[in-house]
Amino acid sequence: PYSDTEAQILLELDGFVVYDLADGEQLEERVAVVDPDLIVLDVMLPDINGKEVCTLVRSQTNMDDVRIICISGMVEADKIQELHDAGANDFMKKPFDVDELVGR
């Protein structure tokens, strides 16, 4: 398993442009100016949860094609289903493998 920083570096080396955002406010600001292809979302942010982020992203008309992969140590089936219902495309358990993330 990799730390978040190591994962970011590996993704960048694989050709991805990575924005590391710390909270929901930064996400809202960035989504307004960047047209991402993928959002890799840690479900437990300090000021907003993953379900709320998925709902926020899916409420933006220009975000219909954005893939959302949620990542968390939480693996309760009902919580994962709630994320999918809110718009997440996929879920990975922490710690995760960067190669598997890129594959997805």
C-alpha atoms as a PDB file:
ATOM      1  CA  PRO A   1       0.000   0.000   0.000  1.00  0.00           C
ATOM      2  CA  TYR A   2       1.026   3.568  -0.701  1.00  0.00           C
ATOM      3  CA  SER A   3       0.571   6.781   1.235  1.00  0.00           C
ATOM      4  CA  ASP A   4      -1.665   9.413  -0.339  1.00  0.00           C
ATOM      5  CA  THR A   5       1.430  11.371  -1.432  1.00  0.00           C
ATOM      6  CA  GLU A   6       3.040   8.309  -3.006  1.00  0.00           C
ATOM      7  CA  ALA A   7      -0.219   7.487  -4.785  1.00  0.00           C
ATOM      8  CA  GLN A   8      -0.401  11.043  -6.140  1.00  0.00           C
ATOM      9  CA  ILE A   9       3.174  10.846  -7.447  1.00  0.00           C
ATOM     10  CA  LEU A  10       2.536   7.486  -9.098  1.00  0.00           C
ATOM     11  CA  LEU A  11      -0.625   8.780 -10.763  1.00  0.00           C
ATOM     12  CA  GLU A  12       1.251  11.828 -12.051  1.00  0.00           C
ATOM     13  CA  LEU A  13       4.018   9.597 -13.402  1.00  0.00           C
ATOM     14  CA  ASP A  14       1.304   7.631 -15.188  1.00  0.00           C
ATOM     15  CA  GLY A  15       0.198  10.836 -16.963  1.00  0.00           C
ATOM     16  CA  PHE A  16      -2.628  12.038 -14.727  1.00  0.00           C
ATOM     17  CA  VAL A  17      -2.992  15.657 -13.631  1.00  0.00           C
ATOM     18  CA  VAL A  18      -3.757  15.438  -9.920  1.00  0.00           C
ATOM     19  CA  TYR A  19      -5.362  18.084  -7.719  1.00  0.00           C
ATOM     20  CA  ASP A  20      -5.089  17.237  -4.030  1.00  0.00           C
ATOM     21  CA  LEU A  21      -8.009  18.897  -2.283  1.00  0.00           C
ATOM     22  CA  ALA A  22      -8.392  18.911   1.483  1.00  0.00           C
ATOM     23  CA  ASP A  23     -12.076  19.696   1.944  1.00  0.00           C
ATOM     24  CA  GLY A  24     -15.464  20.195   0.348  1.00  0.00           C
ATOM     25  CA  GLU A  25     -15.014  23.936  -0.106  1.00  0.00           C
ATOM     26  CA  GLN A  26     -11.904  23.385  -2.222  1.00  0.00           C
ATOM     27  CA  LEU A  27     -13.801  20.766  -4.204  1.00  0.00           C
ATOM     28  CA  GLU A  28     -16.652  23.147  -5.005  1.00  0.00           C
ATOM     29  CA  GLU A  29     -14.193  25.838  -6.117  1.00  0.00           C
ATOM     30  CA  ARG A  30     -12.136  23.431  -8.274  1.00  0.00           C
ATOM     31  CA  VAL A  31     -15.155  21.756  -9.901  1.00  0.00           C
ATOM     32  CA  ALA A  32     -16.271  25.211 -11.072  1.00  0.00           C
ATOM     33  CA  VAL A  33     -13.068  25.756 -13.087  1.00  0.00           C
ATOM     34  CA  VAL A  34     -11.724  22.278 -13.946  1.00  0.00           C
ATOM     35  CA  ASP A  35     -13.445  19.670 -16.080  1.00  0.00           C
ATOM     36  CA  PRO A  36     -12.127  16.456 -14.504  1.00  0.00           C
ATOM     37  CA  ASP A  37     -12.335  13.009 -16.067  1.00  0.00           C
ATOM     38  CA  LEU A  38     -12.086  11.282 -12.704  1.00  0.00           C
ATOM     39  CA  ILE A  39     -12.587  12.098  -9.043  1.00  0.00           C
ATOM     40  CA  VAL A  40     -10.874   9.827  -6.548  1.00  0.00           C
ATOM     41  CA  LEU A  41     -12.719  10.577  -3.358  1.00  0.00           C
ATOM     42  CA  ASP A  42     -11.754   9.791   0.202  1.00  0.00           C
ATOM     43  CA  VAL A  43     -15.181   9.294   1.734  1.00  0.00           C
ATOM     44  CA  MET A  44     -14.255  10.915   5.053  1.00  0.00           C
ATOM     45  CA  LEU A  45     -13.487  14.591   4.434  1.00  0.00           C
ATOM     46  CA  PRO A  46     -13.406  17.029   7.383  1.00  0.00           C
ATOM     47  CA  ASP A  47     -16.404  19.116   6.335  1.00  0.00           C
ATOM     48  CA  ILE A  48     -18.427  16.986   3.899  1.00  0.00           C
ATOM     49  CA  ASN A  49     -18.953  13.262   3.452  1.00  0.00           C
ATOM     50  CA  GLY A  50     -18.542  11.204   0.304  1.00  0.00           C
ATOM     51  CA  LYS A  51     -22.261  10.838  -0.291  1.00  0.00           C
ATOM     52  CA  GLU A  52     -22.664  14.630  -0.236  1.00  0.00           C
ATOM     53  CA  VAL A  53     -19.728  15.041  -2.637  1.00  0.00           C
ATOM     54  CA  CYS A  54     -21.222  12.537  -5.070  1.00  0.00           C
ATOM     55  CA  THR A  55     -24.562  14.345  -4.919  1.00  0.00           C
ATOM     56  CA  LEU A  56     -22.835  17.718  -5.452  1.00  0.00           C
ATOM     57  CA  VAL A  57     -20.859  16.467  -8.457  1.00  0.00           C
ATOM     58  CA  ARG A  58     -23.875  14.758 -10.025  1.00  0.00           C
ATOM     59  CA  SER A  59     -25.950  17.941  -9.617  1.00  0.00           C
ATOM     60  CA  GLN A  60     -23.596  19.755 -12.028  1.00  0.00           C
ATOM     61  CA  THR A  61     -24.751  19.290 -15.620  1.00  0.00           C
ATOM     62  CA  ASN A  62     -21.183  19.322 -16.942  1.00  0.00           C
ATOM     63  CA  MET A  63     -20.198  16.453 -14.592  1.00  0.00           C
ATOM     64  CA  ASP A  64     -22.350  13.672 -16.082  1.00  0.00           C
ATOM     65  CA  ASP A  65     -19.378  11.864 -17.638  1.00  0.00           C
ATOM     66  CA  VAL A  66     -17.020  12.226 -14.663  1.00  0.00           C
ATOM     67  CA  ARG A  67     -16.171   8.913 -13.018  1.00  0.00           C
ATOM     68  CA  ILE A  68     -16.161   8.918  -9.238  1.00  0.00           C
ATOM     69  CA  ILE A  69     -14.151   6.292  -7.388  1.00  0.00           C
ATOM     70  CA  CYS A  70     -14.707   6.385  -3.630  1.00  0.00           C
ATOM     71  CA  ILE A  71     -12.000   5.158  -1.295  1.00  0.00           C
ATOM     72  CA  SER A  72     -12.436   4.343   2.385  1.00  0.00           C
ATOM     73  CA  GLY A  73     -11.499   1.943   5.125  1.00  0.00           C
ATOM     74  CA  MET A  74     -15.227   1.558   5.742  1.00  0.00           C
ATOM     75  CA  VAL A  75     -16.624  -1.438   3.900  1.00  0.00           C
ATOM     76  CA  GLU A  76     -20.189  -1.735   5.157  1.00  0.00           C
ATOM     77  CA  ALA A  77     -22.291  -2.896   2.207  1.00  0.00           C
ATOM     78  CA  ASP A  78     -25.171  -0.494   2.941  1.00  0.00           C
ATOM     79  CA  LYS A  79     -22.812   2.523   3.092  1.00  0.00           C
ATOM     80  CA  ILE A  80     -21.155   1.508  -0.166  1.00  0.00           C
ATOM     81  CA  GLN A  81     -24.592   1.153  -1.766  1.00  0.00           C
ATOM     82  CA  GLU A  82     -25.490   4.662  -0.545  1.00  0.00           C
ATOM     83  CA  LEU A  83     -22.393   6.002  -2.322  1.00  0.00           C
ATOM     84  CA  HIS A  84     -23.392   4.216  -5.544  1.00  0.00           C
ATOM     85  CA  ASP A  85     -26.955   5.539  -5.192  1.00  0.00           C
ATOM     86  CA  ALA A  86     -25.547   9.079  -4.811  1.00  0.00           C
ATOM     87  CA  GLY A  87     -23.563   8.750  -8.048  1.00  0.00           C
ATOM     88  CA  ALA A  88     -20.301   6.937  -7.293  1.00  0.00           C
ATOM     89  CA  ASN A  89     -19.130   4.646 -10.080  1.00  0.00           C
ATOM     90  CA  ASP A  90     -16.823   2.464  -8.032  1.00  0.00           C
ATOM     91  CA  PHE A  91     -15.502   1.796  -4.535  1.00  0.00           C
ATOM     92  CA  MET A  92     -12.069   0.697  -3.328  1.00  0.00           C
ATOM     93  CA  LYS A  93     -11.068  -0.268   0.190  1.00  0.00           C
ATOM     94  CA  LYS A  94      -8.082   1.394   1.880  1.00  0.00           C
ATOM     95  CA  PRO A  95      -5.284   0.619   1.664  1.00  0.00           C
ATOM     96  CA  PHE A  96      -5.518   0.426  -2.110  1.00  0.00           C
ATOM     97  CA  ASP A  97      -3.139  -0.450  -4.899  1.00  0.00           C
ATOM     98  CA  VAL A  98      -2.379   2.396  -7.310  1.00  0.00           C
ATOM     99  CA  ASP A  99      -2.099   0.007 -10.257  1.00  0.00           C
ATOM    100  CA  GLU A 100      -5.590  -1.285  -9.489  1.00  0.00           C
ATOM    101  CA  LEU A 101      -6.853   2.307  -9.250  1.00  0.00           C
ATOM    102  CA  VAL A 102      -5.361   3.159 -12.646  1.00  0.00           C
ATOM    103  CA  GLY A 103      -6.908   0.004 -14.082  1.00  0.00           C
ATOM    104  CA  ARG A 104     -10.318   1.000 -12.893  1.00  0.00           C
END
